[in-house]
C-alpha atoms as a PDB file:
ATOM      1  CA  MET A   1     -91.241 127.511  41.382  1.00  0.00           C
ATOM      2  CA  ASN A   2     -88.477 126.422  44.104  1.00  0.00           C
ATOM      3  CA  THR A   3     -90.551 123.147  44.444  1.00  0.00           C
ATOM      4  CA  ALA A   4     -89.729 122.391  41.062  1.00  0.00           C
ATOM      5  CA  ARG A   5     -86.524 123.444  40.692  1.00  0.00           C
ATOM      6  CA  THR A   6     -85.615 121.113  44.141  1.00  0.00           C
ATOM      7  CA  PHE A   7     -87.970 118.122  42.605  1.00  0.00           C
ATOM      8  CA  LEU A   8     -86.154 117.945  38.729  1.00  0.00           C
ATOM      9  CA  PRO A   9     -82.581 117.060  40.530  1.00  0.00           C
ATOM     10  CA  PHE A  10     -84.244 114.304  42.360  1.00  0.00           C
ATOM     11  CA  LEU A  11     -86.603 113.181  40.154  1.00  0.00           C
ATOM     12  CA  ALA A  12     -83.583 112.438  37.254  1.00  0.00           C
ATOM     13  CA  ALA A  13     -81.087 111.134  40.218  1.00  0.00           C
ATOM     14  CA  LEU A  14     -84.218 108.713  40.740  1.00  0.00           C
ATOM     15  CA  ALA A  15     -84.127 107.954  37.053  1.00  0.00           C
ATOM     16  CA  LEU A  16     -80.288 106.799  36.775  1.00  0.00           C
ATOM     17  CA  GLY A  17     -80.675 105.100  39.493  1.00  0.00           C
ATOM     18  CA  VAL A  18     -83.251 102.833  38.535  1.00  0.00           C
ATOM     19  CA  CYS A  19     -81.368 102.792  35.386  1.00  0.00           C
ATOM     20  CA  LEU A  20     -78.388 101.663  36.832  1.00  0.00           C
ATOM     21  CA  ALA A  21     -80.736  98.496  39.154  1.00  0.00           C
ATOM     22  CA  GLY A  22     -81.307  97.282  35.893  1.00  0.00           C
ATOM     23  CA  CYS A  23     -77.945  97.049  34.276  1.00  0.00           C
ATOM     24  CA  GLU A  24     -76.526  95.775  37.528  1.00  0.00           C
ATOM     25  CA  GLY A  25     -75.934  91.252  37.555  1.00  0.00           C
ATOM     26  CA  ASP A  26     -75.197  89.583  34.460  1.00  0.00           C
ATOM     27  CA  PRO A  27     -75.493  90.697  30.535  1.00  0.00           C
ATOM     28  CA  ALA A  28     -78.364  90.077  29.425  1.00  0.00           C
ATOM     29  CA  GLY A  29     -78.065  87.068  26.749  1.00  0.00           C
ATOM     30  CA  GLU A  30     -78.631  83.776  26.247  1.00  0.00           C
ATOM     31  CA  GLU A  31     -76.703  80.878  28.153  1.00  0.00           C
ATOM     32  CA  GLY A  32     -74.537  78.782  26.076  1.00  0.00           C
ATOM     33  CA  GLN A  33     -74.256  75.336  25.771  1.00  0.00           C
ATOM     34  CA  HIS A  34     -72.089  74.714  29.094  1.00  0.00           C
ATOM     35  CA  GLY A  35     -75.395  76.836  30.705  1.00  0.00           C
ATOM     36  CA  GLN A  36     -72.937  80.134  31.801  1.00  0.00           C
ATOM     37  CA  LEU A  37     -73.578  83.347  30.102  1.00  0.00           C
ATOM     38  CA  PRO A  38     -70.897  84.623  27.786  1.00  0.00           C
ATOM     39  CA  ASP A  39     -68.380  87.787  28.511  1.00  0.00           C
ATOM     40  CA  HIS A  40     -68.804  88.767  25.249  1.00  0.00           C
ATOM     41  CA  GLU A  41     -72.097  88.517  22.374  1.00  0.00           C
ATOM     42  CA  ILE A  42     -71.601  89.038  18.769  1.00  0.00           C
ATOM     43  CA  ASP A  43     -74.298  88.889  15.845  1.00  0.00           C
ATOM     44  CA  GLY A  44     -72.211  89.103  12.494  1.00  0.00           C
ATOM     45  CA  PHE A  45     -69.214  87.100  13.327  1.00  0.00           C
ATOM     46  CA  SER A  46     -66.287  86.698  11.491  1.00  0.00           C
ATOM     47  CA  LEU A  47     -62.476  85.434  11.750  1.00  0.00           C
ATOM     48  CA  THR A  48     -59.772  85.331   9.001  1.00  0.00           C
ATOM     49  CA  GLN A  49     -56.520  83.188   9.250  1.00  0.00           C
ATOM     50  CA  THR A  50     -53.465  83.820   7.609  1.00  0.00           C
ATOM     51  CA  ARG A  51     -50.134  81.961   7.228  1.00  0.00           C
ATOM     52  CA  GLY A  52     -47.950  84.615   5.824  1.00  0.00           C
ATOM     53  CA  GLY A  53     -49.709  86.672   4.316  1.00  0.00           C
ATOM     54  CA  GLU A  54     -51.817  84.466   2.212  1.00  0.00           C
ATOM     55  CA  LYS A  55     -55.743  83.190   3.705  1.00  0.00           C
ATOM     56  CA  GLN A  56     -56.193  80.162   4.974  1.00  0.00           C
ATOM     57  CA  TRP A  57     -59.836  80.323   5.855  1.00  0.00           C
ATOM     58  CA  THR A  58     -62.913  82.529   6.862  1.00  0.00           C
ATOM     59  CA  LEU A  59     -64.995  81.560   9.534  1.00  0.00           C
ATOM     60  CA  SER A  60     -68.675  83.325   9.994  1.00  0.00           C
ATOM     61  CA  ALA A  61     -71.351  82.808  11.929  1.00  0.00           C
ATOM     62  CA  ALA A  62     -74.239  84.319  12.616  1.00  0.00           C
ATOM     63  CA  ARG A  63     -73.722  84.868  16.166  1.00  0.00           C
ATOM     64  CA  ALA A  64     -70.710  84.102  18.527  1.00  0.00           C
ATOM     65  CA  LEU A  65     -70.731  83.829  22.047  1.00  0.00           C
ATOM     66  CA  ILE A  66     -67.093  84.135  23.780  1.00  0.00           C
ATOM     67  CA  TYR A  67     -66.311  82.673  27.153  1.00  0.00           C
ATOM     68  CA  GLU A  68     -63.033  84.390  28.065  1.00  0.00           C
ATOM     69  CA  ALA A  69     -61.858  81.627  31.085  1.00  0.00           C
ATOM     70  CA  ALA A  70     -62.745  78.780  28.607  1.00  0.00           C
ATOM     71  CA  ASP A  71     -60.979  80.352  25.801  1.00  0.00           C
ATOM     72  CA  ARG A  72     -64.078  78.848  23.923  1.00  0.00           C
ATOM     73  CA  VAL A  73     -66.299  80.612  20.806  1.00  0.00           C
ATOM     74  CA  GLU A  74     -69.781  79.189  20.463  1.00  0.00           C
ATOM     75  CA  MET A  75     -71.459  79.944  17.353  1.00  0.00           C
ATOM     76  CA  THR A  76     -75.106  79.422  15.094  1.00  0.00           C
ATOM     77  CA  ASP A  77     -75.182  79.218  11.287  1.00  0.00           C
ATOM     78  CA  VAL A  78     -71.629  78.744  10.740  1.00  0.00           C
ATOM     79  CA  ARG A  79     -70.162  78.538   7.413  1.00  0.00           C
ATOM     80  CA  ILE A  80     -66.067  77.973   7.096  1.00  0.00           C
ATOM     81  CA  ASP A  81     -64.099  79.051   3.218  1.00  0.00           C
ATOM     82  CA  TYR A  82     -60.924  77.216   2.592  1.00  0.00           C
ATOM     83  CA  PHE A  83     -58.862  79.006   0.121  1.00  0.00           C
ATOM     84  CA  ASP A  84     -56.177  76.946  -1.659  1.00  0.00           C
ATOM     85  CA  ASP A  85     -52.630  78.873  -2.482  1.00  0.00           C
ATOM     86  CA  GLU A  86     -54.364  81.079  -5.153  1.00  0.00           C
ATOM     87  CA  GLY A  87     -56.527  82.190  -3.082  1.00  0.00           C
ATOM     88  CA  ALA A  88     -59.551  80.766  -4.171  1.00  0.00           C
ATOM     89  CA  VAL A  89     -62.108  78.767  -1.622  1.00  0.00           C
ATOM     90  CA  GLU A  90     -61.712  75.353  -2.532  1.00  0.00           C
ATOM     91  CA  SER A  91     -63.880  74.078  -0.299  1.00  0.00           C
ATOM     92  CA  THR A  92     -67.016  75.810   2.065  1.00  0.00           C
ATOM     93  CA  MET A  93     -68.436  73.889   5.282  1.00  0.00           C
ATOM     94  CA  THR A  94     -71.377  74.995   6.489  1.00  0.00           C
ATOM     95  CA  ALA A  95     -73.129  73.791  10.238  1.00  0.00           C
ATOM     96  CA  ARG A  96     -76.134  75.176  12.165  1.00  0.00           C
ATOM     97  CA  GLU A  97     -73.745  75.194  15.530  1.00  0.00           C
ATOM     98  CA  GLY A  98     -69.958  75.411  15.740  1.00  0.00           C
ATOM     99  CA  LEU A  99     -67.187  75.539  18.416  1.00  0.00           C
ATOM    100  CA  LEU A 100     -64.075  77.329  17.713  1.00  0.00           C
ATOM    101  CA  MET A 101     -61.032  77.251  20.409  1.00  0.00           C
ATOM    102  CA  ARG A 102     -59.486  80.356  20.612  1.00  0.00           C
ATOM    103  CA  ARG A 103     -56.069  79.694  21.330  1.00  0.00           C
ATOM    104  CA  THR A 104     -55.477  76.569  19.002  1.00  0.00           C
ATOM    105  CA  ASN A 105     -57.926  77.629  16.691  1.00  0.00           C
ATOM    106  CA  ASN A 106     -59.366  74.094  16.482  1.00  0.00           C
ATOM    107  CA  MET A 107     -63.688  73.908  15.391  1.00  0.00           C
ATOM    108  CA  GLU A 108     -66.162  71.448  16.055  1.00  0.00           C
ATOM    109  CA  ALA A 109     -69.245  71.696  13.622  1.00  0.00           C
ATOM    110  CA  ARG A 110     -72.285  70.371  14.710  1.00  0.00           C
ATOM    111  CA  ARG A 111     -75.765  69.777  13.068  1.00  0.00           C
ATOM    112  CA  ASP A 112     -76.049  69.258   9.792  1.00  0.00           C
ATOM    113  CA  VAL A 113     -72.639  69.724   8.945  1.00  0.00           C
ATOM    114  CA  ALA A 114     -71.857  69.455   4.852  1.00  0.00           C
ATOM    115  CA  VAL A 115     -68.756  70.246   2.856  1.00  0.00           C
ATOM    116  CA  PHE A 116     -68.785  71.513  -0.623  1.00  0.00           C
ATOM    117  CA  ALA A 117     -65.624  70.886  -2.334  1.00  0.00           C
ATOM    118  CA  SER A 118     -65.196  72.827  -5.231  1.00  0.00           C
ATOM    119  CA  ASP A 119     -65.022  70.400  -7.694  1.00  0.00           C
ATOM    120  CA  GLY A 120     -68.637  69.237  -6.954  1.00  0.00           C
ATOM    121  CA  THR A 121     -67.784  67.040  -3.658  1.00  0.00           C
ATOM    122  CA  ILE A 122     -69.907  66.846  -1.408  1.00  0.00           C
ATOM    123  CA  LEU A 123     -69.662  65.526   2.431  1.00  0.00           C
ATOM    124  CA  THR A 124     -72.379  65.002   5.149  1.00  0.00           C
ATOM    125  CA  THR A 125     -72.093  64.086   8.612  1.00  0.00           C
ATOM    126  CA  ASP A 126     -73.768  65.358  12.032  1.00  0.00           C
ATOM    127  CA  LEU A 127     -70.152  66.585  13.861  1.00  0.00           C
ATOM    128  CA  LEU A 128     -67.244  67.780  12.532  1.00  0.00           C
ATOM    129  CA  THR A 129     -63.535  68.611  13.931  1.00  0.00           C
ATOM    130  CA  TRP A 130     -60.949  70.914  12.226  1.00  0.00           C
ATOM    131  CA  ASN A 131     -57.475  70.382  13.026  1.00  0.00           C
ATOM    132  CA  GLU A 132     -55.416  73.978  12.810  1.00  0.00           C
ATOM    133  CA  GLN A 133     -51.779  71.674  13.028  1.00  0.00           C
ATOM    134  CA  THR A 134     -52.840  69.071  10.840  1.00  0.00           C
ATOM    135  CA  GLY A 135     -55.073  70.902   8.027  1.00  0.00           C
ATOM    136  CA  LYS A 136     -57.333  67.959   8.529  1.00  0.00           C
ATOM    137  CA  ILE A 137     -61.554  67.793   8.674  1.00  0.00           C
ATOM    138  CA  GLU A 138     -62.281  64.779  10.891  1.00  0.00           C
ATOM    139  CA  THR A 139     -65.343  62.810  12.282  1.00  0.00           C
ATOM    140  CA  ASP A 140     -65.698  59.222  13.986  1.00  0.00           C
ATOM    141  CA  LEU A 141     -69.719  59.627  13.276  1.00  0.00           C
ATOM    142  CA  PRO A 142     -71.532  58.377  10.237  1.00  0.00           C
ATOM    143  CA  VAL A 143     -70.799  59.950   6.589  1.00  0.00           C
ATOM    144  CA  ARG A 144     -71.939  60.339   3.061  1.00  0.00           C
ATOM    145  CA  VAL A 145     -70.031  61.726   0.447  1.00  0.00           C
ATOM    146  CA  THR A 146     -71.678  62.562  -3.120  1.00  0.00           C
ATOM    147  CA  LYS A 147     -69.550  63.229  -6.330  1.00  0.00           C
ATOM    148  CA  GLY A 148     -71.477  63.027  -9.110  1.00  0.00           C
ATOM    149  CA  LYS A 149     -73.143  59.832  -9.597  1.00  0.00           C
ATOM    150  CA  ASP A 150     -71.214  57.946  -6.757  1.00  0.00           C
ATOM    151  CA  VAL A 151     -71.863  58.157  -3.896  1.00  0.00           C
ATOM    152  CA  PHE A 152     -69.664  56.428  -0.675  1.00  0.00           C
ATOM    153  CA  THR A 153     -70.961  55.808   3.462  1.00  0.00           C
ATOM    154  CA  GLY A 154     -68.657  54.949   6.174  1.00  0.00           C
ATOM    155  CA  THR A 155     -68.141  55.653   9.732  1.00  0.00           C
ATOM    156  CA  GLY A 156     -65.771  58.054  10.550  1.00  0.00           C
ATOM    157  CA  VAL A 157     -63.257  59.974   8.511  1.00  0.00           C
ATOM    158  CA  THR A 158     -60.268  61.962   7.944  1.00  0.00           C
ATOM    159  CA  ALA A 159     -60.068  64.326   4.997  1.00  0.00           C
ATOM    160  CA  ASP A 160     -58.176  67.916   3.887  1.00  0.00           C
ATOM    161  CA  PRO A 161     -60.538  70.265   3.499  1.00  0.00           C
ATOM    162  CA  ASP A 162     -60.699  70.100  -0.625  1.00  0.00           C
ATOM    163  CA  LEU A 163     -62.181  66.816   0.434  1.00  0.00           C
ATOM    164  CA  LYS A 164     -59.215  65.248  -2.570  1.00  0.00           C
ATOM    165  CA  ASN A 165     -58.160  62.922   0.452  1.00  0.00           C
ATOM    166  CA  ILE A 166     -60.369  60.950   2.264  1.00  0.00           C
ATOM    167  CA  LYS A 167     -60.207  58.329   4.468  1.00  0.00           C
ATOM    168  CA  VAL A 168     -63.037  56.267   6.405  1.00  0.00           C
ATOM    169  CA  LYS A 169     -62.191  54.497   8.933  1.00  0.00           C
ATOM    170  CA  SER A 170     -64.821  51.437   9.114  1.00  0.00           C
ATOM    171  CA  ASN A 171     -67.784  50.215   7.196  1.00  0.00           C
ATOM    172  CA  PHE A 172     -66.921  51.581   3.663  1.00  0.00           C
ATOM    173  CA  LYS A 173     -70.068  50.929   1.293  1.00  0.00           C
ATOM    174  CA  ALA A 174     -69.799  52.695  -2.201  1.00  0.00           C
ATOM    175  CA  PHE A 175     -73.035  53.024  -4.589  1.00  0.00           C
ATOM    176  CA  VAL A 176     -73.651  53.897  -8.286  1.00  0.00           C
ATOM    177  CA  LYS A 177     -76.909  55.759  -9.515  1.00  0.00           C
ATOM    178  CA  THR A 178     -78.795  53.822 -11.732  1.00  0.00           C
ATOM    179  CA  PRO A 179     -80.048  55.513 -14.932  1.00  0.00           C
ATOM    180  CA  GLU A 180     -83.278  55.724 -13.238  1.00  0.00           C
ATOM    181  CA  GLY A 181     -81.701  57.419  -9.842  1.00  0.00           C
ATOM    182  CA  ASP A 182     -81.536  54.735  -7.342  1.00  0.00           C
ATOM    183  CA  LEU A 183     -78.377  53.927  -5.517  1.00  0.00           C
ATOM    184  CA  VAL A 184     -77.217  50.274  -5.878  1.00  0.00           C
ATOM    185  CA  GLU A 185     -74.389  49.020  -3.538  1.00  0.00           C
ATOM    186  CA  ASP A 186     -71.206  48.901  -5.891  1.00  0.00           C
ATOM    187  CA  TYR A 187     -69.072  45.741  -4.688  1.00  0.00           C
END
């Protein structure tokens, strides 16, 4: 019986030592885009930006990797809802990946980026940035914009997030849909 009393504390200490040894080092998780381990990982990440008590945008992501020293958040399965002055969603941006710079709230959306405006306009591209200070979305890559039967393409764009004011930087082409559903370039 004395042996058991002496042996149980030894086993408990051994088990604690094994647990602590397994928890040492870097936190478990995936490396981010820059090959570093994050300081924090959040599943179901959400962030709302307000100005004067009014919602400007809400960002949500399936997963966020937070890097304190670099002041950035890398995200997957990103959705950003932009709000109008009445608090209604005026557009929604989606992307497979995103990057948030925490100090400025500037963002970058990557891979299968789409912006869906409340009036039915859709903008697609592979990379789009949000500039918090100017309130504009921008890219230098090819874009496609669809509104009803009208389609235009180009390289590079600057736009309001509601897609009401869109400026294509170069290679602008406009297309119309025929009754058969084909796109024909409109000169």
